[in-house]
PDB file of all heavy atoms in Angstrom:
ATOM      1  N   SER A   1      91.588 -27.301 109.070  1.00  0.00           N
ATOM      2  CA  SER A   1      90.334 -28.014 109.363  1.00  0.00           C
ATOM      3  C   SER A   1      89.368 -27.128 110.137  1.00  0.00           C
ATOM      4  O   SER A   1      88.173 -27.091 109.979  1.00  0.00           O
ATOM      5  CB  SER A   1      90.633 -29.250 110.212  1.00  0.00           C
ATOM      6  OG  SER A   1      91.314 -28.784 111.466  1.00  0.00           O
ATOM      7  N   VAL A   2      89.992 -26.210 110.886  1.00  0.00           N
ATOM      8  CA  VAL A   2      89.093 -25.276 111.763  1.00  0.00           C
ATOM      9  C   VAL A   2      88.347 -24.334 110.794  1.00  0.00           C
ATOM     10  O   VAL A   2      87.162 -24.105 110.901  1.00  0.00           O
ATOM     11  CB  VAL A   2      89.908 -24.578 112.785  1.00  0.00           C
ATOM     12  CG1 VAL A   2      89.047 -23.515 113.478  1.00  0.00           C
ATOM     13  CG2 VAL A   2      90.449 -25.508 113.684  1.00  0.00           C
ATOM     14  N   SER A   3      89.101 -23.707 109.870  1.00  0.00           N
ATOM     15  CA  SER A   3      88.493 -22.662 108.955  1.00  0.00           C
ATOM     16  C   SER A   3      87.548 -23.252 108.038  1.00  0.00           C
ATOM     17  O   SER A   3      86.522 -22.640 107.684  1.00  0.00           O
ATOM     18  CB  SER A   3      89.533 -21.922 108.264  1.00  0.00           C
ATOM     19  OG  SER A   3      90.314 -22.806 107.354  1.00  0.00           O
ATOM     20  N   ASN A   4      87.736 -24.558 107.679  1.00  0.00           N
ATOM     21  CA  ASN A   4      86.788 -25.236 106.835  1.00  0.00           C
ATOM     22  C   ASN A   4      85.672 -25.971 107.518  1.00  0.00           C
ATOM     23  O   ASN A   4      84.868 -26.634 106.935  1.00  0.00           O
ATOM     24  CB  ASN A   4      87.531 -26.296 105.928  1.00  0.00           C
ATOM     25  CG  ASN A   4      88.413 -25.481 104.893  1.00  0.00           C
ATOM     26  OD1 ASN A   4      88.157 -24.421 104.528  1.00  0.00           O
ATOM     27  ND2 ASN A   4      89.595 -26.190 104.585  1.00  0.00           N
ATOM     28  N   ASN A   5      85.689 -25.881 108.892  1.00  0.00           N
ATOM     29  CA  ASN A   5      84.625 -26.615 109.632  1.00  0.00           C
ATOM     30  C   ASN A   5      83.336 -25.881 109.358  1.00  0.00           C
ATOM     31  O   ASN A   5      83.194 -24.599 109.628  1.00  0.00           O
ATOM     32  CB  ASN A   5      85.076 -26.550 111.125  1.00  0.00           C
ATOM     33  CG  ASN A   5      84.128 -27.424 111.961  1.00  0.00           C
ATOM     34  OD1 ASN A   5      83.098 -27.975 111.436  1.00  0.00           O
ATOM     35  ND2 ASN A   5      84.343 -27.574 113.201  1.00  0.00           N
ATOM     36  N   PRO A   6      82.274 -26.595 109.004  1.00  0.00           N
ATOM     37  CA  PRO A   6      80.973 -25.873 108.722  1.00  0.00           C
ATOM     38  C   PRO A   6      80.447 -25.203 110.043  1.00  0.00           C
ATOM     39  O   PRO A   6      79.787 -24.180 109.982  1.00  0.00           O
ATOM     40  CB  PRO A   6      80.068 -27.053 108.299  1.00  0.00           C
ATOM     41  CG  PRO A   6      80.988 -28.021 107.719  1.00  0.00           C
ATOM     42  CD  PRO A   6      82.239 -27.993 108.523  1.00  0.00           C
ATOM     43  N   VAL A   7      80.660 -25.809 111.192  1.00  0.00           N
ATOM     44  CA  VAL A   7      80.063 -25.266 112.486  1.00  0.00           C
ATOM     45  C   VAL A   7      80.828 -23.880 112.705  1.00  0.00           C
ATOM     46  O   VAL A   7      80.212 -22.858 113.098  1.00  0.00           O
ATOM     47  CB  VAL A   7      80.321 -26.136 113.627  1.00  0.00           C
ATOM     48  CG1 VAL A   7      79.872 -25.505 114.938  1.00  0.00           C
ATOM     49  CG2 VAL A   7      79.575 -27.484 113.385  1.00  0.00           C
ATOM     50  N   TYR A   8      82.146 -23.860 112.455  1.00  0.00           N
ATOM     51  CA  TYR A   8      82.868 -22.665 112.726  1.00  0.00           C
ATOM     52  C   TYR A   8      82.378 -21.518 111.724  1.00  0.00           C
ATOM     53  O   TYR A   8      82.227 -20.405 112.084  1.00  0.00           O
ATOM     54  CB  TYR A   8      84.389 -22.983 112.487  1.00  0.00           C
ATOM     55  CG  TYR A   8      85.215 -21.723 112.629  1.00  0.00           C
ATOM     56  CD1 TYR A   8      85.556 -21.191 113.903  1.00  0.00           C
ATOM     57  CD2 TYR A   8      85.820 -21.090 111.533  1.00  0.00           C
ATOM     58  CE1 TYR A   8      86.360 -20.118 114.042  1.00  0.00           C
ATOM     59  CE2 TYR A   8      86.594 -19.993 111.686  1.00  0.00           C
ATOM     60  CZ  TYR A   8      86.848 -19.502 112.986  1.00  0.00           C
ATOM     61  OH  TYR A   8      87.637 -18.410 113.021  1.00  0.00           O
ATOM     62  N   GLN A   9      82.178 -21.981 110.466  1.00  0.00           N
ATOM     63  CA  GLN A   9      81.701 -21.002 109.492  1.00  0.00           C
ATOM     64  C   GLN A   9      80.278 -20.438 109.872  1.00  0.00           C
ATOM     65  O   GLN A   9      80.037 -19.289 109.788  1.00  0.00           O
ATOM     66  CB  GLN A   9      81.575 -21.650 108.063  1.00  0.00           C
ATOM     67  CG  GLN A   9      82.959 -21.963 107.530  1.00  0.00           C
ATOM     68  CD  GLN A   9      82.824 -22.692 106.213  1.00  0.00           C
ATOM     69  OE1 GLN A   9      81.705 -22.943 105.691  1.00  0.00           O
ATOM     70  NE2 GLN A   9      83.959 -22.951 105.506  1.00  0.00           N
ATOM     71  N   GLN A  10      79.478 -21.373 110.414  1.00  0.00           N
ATOM     72  CA  GLN A  10      78.045 -20.896 110.873  1.00  0.00           C
ATOM     73  C   GLN A  10      78.254 -19.915 112.008  1.00  0.00           C
ATOM     74  O   GLN A  10      77.471 -18.971 112.120  1.00  0.00           O
ATOM     75  CB  GLN A  10      77.219 -22.089 111.221  1.00  0.00           C
ATOM     76  CG  GLN A  10      76.795 -22.931 110.006  1.00  0.00           C
ATOM     77  CD  GLN A  10      75.949 -24.087 110.371  1.00  0.00           C
ATOM     78  OE1 GLN A  10      75.702 -24.292 111.564  1.00  0.00           O
ATOM     79  NE2 GLN A  10      75.469 -24.921 109.394  1.00  0.00           N
ATOM     80  N   LEU A  11      79.130 -20.214 112.988  1.00  0.00           N
ATOM     81  CA  LEU A  11      79.352 -19.269 114.107  1.00  0.00           C
ATOM     82  C   LEU A  11      79.825 -17.934 113.598  1.00  0.00           C
ATOM     83  O   LEU A  11      79.420 -16.840 114.041  1.00  0.00           O
ATOM     84  CB  LEU A  11      80.387 -19.819 115.059  1.00  0.00           C
ATOM     85  CG  LEU A  11      79.882 -20.995 115.929  1.00  0.00           C
ATOM     86  CD1 LEU A  11      81.058 -21.597 116.729  1.00  0.00           C
ATOM     87  CD2 LEU A  11      78.860 -20.540 116.801  1.00  0.00           C
ATOM     88  N   LYS A  12      80.705 -17.894 112.565  1.00  0.00           N
ATOM     89  CA  LYS A  12      81.207 -16.655 112.016  1.00  0.00           C
ATOM     90  C   LYS A  12      80.052 -15.888 111.375  1.00  0.00           C
ATOM     91  O   LYS A  12      79.946 -14.603 111.504  1.00  0.00           O
ATOM     92  CB  LYS A  12      82.356 -16.858 111.056  1.00  0.00           C
ATOM     93  CG  LYS A  12      83.636 -17.366 111.686  1.00  0.00           C
ATOM     94  CD  LYS A  12      84.818 -17.367 110.748  1.00  0.00           C
ATOM     95  CE  LYS A  12      85.189 -15.986 110.366  1.00  0.00           C
ATOM     96  NZ  LYS A  12      86.404 -15.933 109.473  1.00  0.00           N
ATOM     97  N   ILE A  13      79.243 -16.612 110.651  1.00  0.00           N
ATOM     98  CA  ILE A  13      78.058 -15.882 110.007  1.00  0.00           C
ATOM     99  C   ILE A  13      77.142 -15.393 111.048  1.00  0.00           C
ATOM    100  O   ILE A  13      76.641 -14.292 110.910  1.00  0.00           O
ATOM    101  CB  ILE A  13      77.286 -17.009 109.089  1.00  0.00           C
ATOM    102  CG1 ILE A  13      78.206 -17.408 107.851  1.00  0.00           C
ATOM    103  CG2 ILE A  13      76.020 -16.373 108.585  1.00  0.00           C
ATOM    104  CD1 ILE A  13      77.635 -18.499 107.047  1.00  0.00           C
ATOM    105  N   ALA A  14      76.855 -16.130 112.157  1.00  0.00           N
ATOM    106  CA  ALA A  14      75.994 -15.746 113.152  1.00  0.00           C
ATOM    107  C   ALA A  14      76.623 -14.412 113.889  1.00  0.00           C
ATOM    108  O   ALA A  14      75.918 -13.449 114.246  1.00  0.00           O
ATOM    109  CB  ALA A  14      75.754 -16.730 114.114  1.00  0.00           C
ATOM    110  N   LEU A  15      77.964 -14.435 113.983  1.00  0.00           N
ATOM    111  CA  LEU A  15      78.592 -13.321 114.565  1.00  0.00           C
ATOM    112  C   LEU A  15      78.462 -12.016 113.685  1.00  0.00           C
ATOM    113  O   LEU A  15      78.307 -10.851 114.132  1.00  0.00           O
ATOM    114  CB  LEU A  15      80.050 -13.527 114.826  1.00  0.00           C
ATOM    115  CG  LEU A  15      80.939 -12.478 115.418  1.00  0.00           C
ATOM    116  CD1 LEU A  15      80.372 -11.997 116.771  1.00  0.00           C
ATOM    117  CD2 LEU A  15      82.390 -12.851 115.544  1.00  0.00           C
ATOM    118  N   ALA A  16      78.650 -12.252 112.418  1.00  0.00           N
ATOM    119  CA  ALA A  16      78.492 -11.143 111.492  1.00  0.00           C
ATOM    120  C   ALA A  16      77.030 -10.571 111.522  1.00  0.00           C
ATOM    121  O   ALA A  16      76.769  -9.255 111.502  1.00  0.00           O
ATOM    122  CB  ALA A  16      78.860 -11.592 110.067  1.00  0.00           C
ATOM    123  N   GLU A  17      76.037 -11.485 111.616  1.00  0.00           N
ATOM    124  CA  GLU A  17      74.663 -11.039 111.746  1.00  0.00           C
ATOM    125  C   GLU A  17      74.422 -10.303 113.029  1.00  0.00           C
ATOM    126  O   GLU A  17      73.780  -9.326 113.079  1.00  0.00           O
ATOM    127  CB  GLU A  17      73.727 -12.279 111.582  1.00  0.00           C
ATOM    128  CG  GLU A  17      73.763 -12.875 110.187  1.00  0.00           C
ATOM    129  CD  GLU A  17      72.821 -14.148 110.153  1.00  0.00           C
ATOM    130  OE1 GLU A  17      72.347 -14.515 111.323  1.00  0.00           O
ATOM    131  OE2 GLU A  17      72.663 -14.649 109.136  1.00  0.00           O
ATOM    132  N   SER A  18      75.046 -10.748 114.089  1.00  0.00           N
ATOM    133  CA  SER A  18      74.943 -10.055 115.377  1.00  0.00           C
ATOM    134  C   SER A  18      75.481  -8.701 115.287  1.00  0.00           C
ATOM    135  O   SER A  18      74.973  -7.720 115.834  1.00  0.00           O
ATOM    136  CB  SER A  18      75.604 -10.865 116.377  1.00  0.00           C
ATOM    137  OG  SER A  18      75.489 -10.277 117.765  1.00  0.00           O
ATOM    138  N   GLU A  19      76.747  -8.614 114.673  1.00  0.00           N
ATOM    139  CA  GLU A  19      77.375  -7.260 114.539  1.00  0.00           C
ATOM    140  C   GLU A  19      76.460  -6.313 113.689  1.00  0.00           C
ATOM    141  O   GLU A  19      76.274  -5.136 114.135  1.00  0.00           O
ATOM    142  CB  GLU A  19      78.685  -7.411 113.722  1.00  0.00           C
ATOM    143  CG  GLU A  19      79.780  -8.141 114.574  1.00  0.00           C
ATOM    144  CD  GLU A  19      80.364  -7.206 115.618  1.00  0.00           C
ATOM    145  OE1 GLU A  19      79.982  -6.088 115.698  1.00  0.00           O
ATOM    146  OE2 GLU A  19      81.210  -7.676 116.358  1.00  0.00           O
ATOM    147  N   ALA A  20      75.829  -6.861 112.626  1.00  0.00           N
ATOM    148  CA  ALA A  20      74.975  -6.047 111.880  1.00  0.00           C
ATOM    149  C   ALA A  20      73.792  -5.634 112.717  1.00  0.00           C
ATOM    150  O   ALA A  20      73.169  -4.462 112.553  1.00  0.00           O
ATOM    151  CB  ALA A  20      74.475  -6.812 110.590  1.00  0.00           C
ATOM    152  N   ASN A  21      73.160  -6.544 113.479  1.00  0.00           N
ATOM    153  CA  ASN A  21      72.025  -6.277 114.387  1.00  0.00           C
ATOM    154  C   ASN A  21      72.449  -5.152 115.323  1.00  0.00           C
ATOM    155  O   ASN A  21      71.602  -4.288 115.661  1.00  0.00           O
ATOM    156  CB  ASN A  21      71.590  -7.518 115.056  1.00  0.00           C
ATOM    157  CG  ASN A  21      70.211  -7.370 115.746  1.00  0.00           C
ATOM    158  OD1 ASN A  21      69.521  -6.412 115.376  1.00  0.00           O
ATOM    159  ND2 ASN A  21      70.032  -8.093 116.666  1.00  0.00           N
ATOM    160  N   VAL A  22      73.566  -5.240 115.933  1.00  0.00           N
ATOM    161  CA  VAL A  22      74.064  -4.291 116.906  1.00  0.00           C
ATOM    162  C   VAL A  22      74.149  -2.914 116.263  1.00  0.00           C
ATOM    163  O   VAL A  22      73.687  -1.930 116.758  1.00  0.00           O
ATOM    164  CB  VAL A  22      75.392  -4.671 117.561  1.00  0.00           C
ATOM    165  CG1 VAL A  22      76.021  -3.487 118.356  1.00  0.00           C
ATOM    166  CG2 VAL A  22      75.199  -5.874 118.358  1.00  0.00           C
ATOM    167  N   ALA A  23      74.734  -2.855 114.992  1.00  0.00           N
ATOM    168  CA  ALA A  23      74.809  -1.540 114.327  1.00  0.00           C
ATOM    169  C   ALA A  23      73.457  -0.982 114.069  1.00  0.00           C
ATOM    170  O   ALA A  23      73.291   0.211 114.211  1.00  0.00           O
ATOM    171  CB  ALA A  23      75.676  -1.808 113.055  1.00  0.00           C
ATOM    172  N   SER A  24      72.591  -1.863 113.615  1.00  0.00           N
ATOM    173  CA  SER A  24      71.164  -1.379 113.381  1.00  0.00           C
ATOM    174  C   SER A  24      70.483  -0.860 114.638  1.00  0.00           C
ATOM    175  O   SER A  24      69.911   0.232 114.533  1.00  0.00           O
ATOM    176  CB  SER A  24      70.341  -2.459 112.736  1.00  0.00           C
ATOM    177  OG  SER A  24      69.092  -2.051 112.518  1.00  0.00           O
ATOM    178  N   LEU A  25      70.677  -1.571 115.788  1.00  0.00           N
ATOM    179  CA  LEU A  25      70.151  -1.077 116.996  1.00  0.00           C
ATOM    180  C   LEU A  25      70.728   0.261 117.385  1.00  0.00           C
ATOM    181  O   LEU A  25      70.109   1.074 118.019  1.00  0.00           O
ATOM    182  CB  LEU A  25      70.224  -2.146 118.036  1.00  0.00           C
ATOM    183  CG  LEU A  25      69.282  -3.379 117.879  1.00  0.00           C
ATOM    184  CD1 LEU A  25      69.633  -4.445 118.922  1.00  0.00           C
ATOM    185  CD2 LEU A  25      67.807  -3.030 117.892  1.00  0.00           C
ATOM    186  N   ARG A  26      72.000   0.354 117.273  1.00  0.00           N
ATOM    187  CA  ARG A  26      72.725   1.617 117.621  1.00  0.00           C
ATOM    188  C   ARG A  26      72.111   2.786 116.768  1.00  0.00           C
ATOM    189  O   ARG A  26      71.836   3.891 117.227  1.00  0.00           O
ATOM    190  CB  ARG A  26      74.205   1.417 117.361  1.00  0.00           C
ATOM    191  CG  ARG A  26      74.927   0.703 118.421  1.00  0.00           C
ATOM    192  CD  ARG A  26      76.363   0.614 118.180  1.00  0.00           C
ATOM    193  NE  ARG A  26      77.061  -0.162 119.253  1.00  0.00           N
ATOM    194  CZ  ARG A  26      78.403  -0.562 119.203  1.00  0.00           C
ATOM    195  NH1 ARG A  26      79.082  -0.226 118.047  1.00  0.00           N
ATOM    196  NH2 ARG A  26      78.953  -1.227 120.145  1.00  0.00           N
ATOM    197  N   ALA A  27      71.980   2.527 115.487  1.00  0.00           N
ATOM    198  CA  ALA A  27      71.459   3.600 114.674  1.00  0.00           C
ATOM    199  C   ALA A  27      70.014   3.904 115.111  1.00  0.00           C
ATOM    200  O   ALA A  27      69.518   5.191 115.160  1.00  0.00           O
ATOM    201  CB  ALA A  27      71.396   3.177 113.224  1.00  0.00           C
ATOM    202  N   ARG A  28      69.163   2.921 115.581  1.00  0.00           N
ATOM    203  CA  ARG A  28      67.866   3.209 115.968  1.00  0.00           C
ATOM    204  C   ARG A  28      67.835   3.975 117.260  1.00  0.00           C
ATOM    205  O   ARG A  28      67.101   4.922 117.468  1.00  0.00           O
ATOM    206  CB  ARG A  28      67.145   1.817 116.154  1.00  0.00           C
ATOM    207  CG  ARG A  28      65.679   1.992 116.680  1.00  0.00           C
ATOM    208  CD  ARG A  28      65.026   0.587 116.891  1.00  0.00           C
ATOM    209  NE  ARG A  28      64.877  -0.020 115.669  1.00  0.00           N
ATOM    210  CZ  ARG A  28      64.403  -1.233 115.565  1.00  0.00           C
ATOM    211  NH1 ARG A  28      63.983  -1.870 116.592  1.00  0.00           N
ATOM    212  NH2 ARG A  28      64.349  -1.877 114.294  1.00  0.00           N
ATOM    213  N   VAL A  29      68.759   3.529 118.215  1.00  0.00           N
ATOM    214  CA  VAL A  29      68.838   4.293 119.438  1.00  0.00           C
ATOM    215  C   VAL A  29      69.355   5.725 119.262  1.00  0.00           C
ATOM    216  O   VAL A  29      68.717   6.636 119.880  1.00  0.00           O
ATOM    217  CB  VAL A  29      69.773   3.552 120.385  1.00  0.00           C
ATOM    218  CG1 VAL A  29      70.166   4.480 121.611  1.00  0.00           C
ATOM    219  CG2 VAL A  29      69.263   2.271 120.858  1.00  0.00           C
ATOM    220  N   SER A  30      70.228   5.934 118.303  1.00  0.00           N
ATOM    221  CA  SER A  30      70.612   7.287 118.057  1.00  0.00           C
ATOM    222  C   SER A  30      69.552   8.137 117.365  1.00  0.00           C
ATOM    223  O   SER A  30      69.427   9.277 117.816  1.00  0.00           O
ATOM    224  CB  SER A  30      71.869   7.194 117.093  1.00  0.00           C
ATOM    225  OG  SER A  30      72.250   8.655 116.797  1.00  0.00           O
ATOM    226  N   GLU A  31      68.747   7.539 116.603  1.00  0.00           N
ATOM    227  CA  GLU A  31      67.635   8.194 115.934  1.00  0.00           C
ATOM    228  C   GLU A  31      66.583   8.614 117.081  1.00  0.00           C
ATOM    229  O   GLU A  31      66.184   9.797 117.062  1.00  0.00           O
ATOM    230  CB  GLU A  31      66.987   7.410 114.899  1.00  0.00           C
ATOM    231  CG  GLU A  31      65.717   7.938 114.203  1.00  0.00           C
ATOM    232  CD  GLU A  31      65.991   9.315 113.505  1.00  0.00           C
ATOM    233  OE1 GLU A  31      67.097   9.577 113.112  1.00  0.00           O
ATOM    234  OE2 GLU A  31      65.015  10.129 113.283  1.00  0.00           O
ATOM    235  N   TYR A  32      66.264   7.665 117.886  1.00  0.00           N
ATOM    236  CA  TYR A  32      65.287   7.994 118.969  1.00  0.00           C
ATOM    237  C   TYR A  32      65.769   8.978 119.946  1.00  0.00           C
ATOM    238  O   TYR A  32      65.066   9.755 120.513  1.00  0.00           O
ATOM    239  CB  TYR A  32      64.746   6.700 119.597  1.00  0.00           C
ATOM    240  CG  TYR A  32      63.742   5.942 118.797  1.00  0.00           C
ATOM    241  CD1 TYR A  32      64.055   4.700 118.244  1.00  0.00           C
ATOM    242  CD2 TYR A  32      62.495   6.428 118.559  1.00  0.00           C
ATOM    243  CE1 TYR A  32      63.095   4.003 117.411  1.00  0.00           C
ATOM    244  CE2 TYR A  32      61.462   5.792 117.858  1.00  0.00           C
ATOM    245  CZ  TYR A  32      61.776   4.570 117.308  1.00  0.00           C
ATOM    246  OH  TYR A  32      60.859   3.934 116.508  1.00  0.00           O
ATOM    247  N   GLU A  33      67.057   8.941 120.210  1.00  0.00           N
ATOM    248  CA  GLU A  33      67.713   9.968 121.133  1.00  0.00           C
ATOM    249  C   GLU A  33      67.520  11.270 120.530  1.00  0.00           C
ATOM    250  O   GLU A  33      67.175  12.282 121.181  1.00  0.00           O
ATOM    251  CB  GLU A  33      69.109   9.631 121.382  1.00  0.00           C
ATOM    252  CG  GLU A  33      69.240   8.403 122.363  1.00  0.00           C
ATOM    253  CD  GLU A  33      70.697   8.106 122.703  1.00  0.00           C
ATOM    254  OE1 GLU A  33      71.565   8.630 121.882  1.00  0.00           O
ATOM    255  OE2 GLU A  33      71.005   7.317 123.515  1.00  0.00           O
TER     256      GLU A  33
END
């Protein structure tokens, strides 16, 4: 039930997007450095 919970799935999607955003910001910071 937990893995099939839509709310849980949306949290995981948001976490993946946040991870991608962090990676993008790290690349930007590295470039500007």
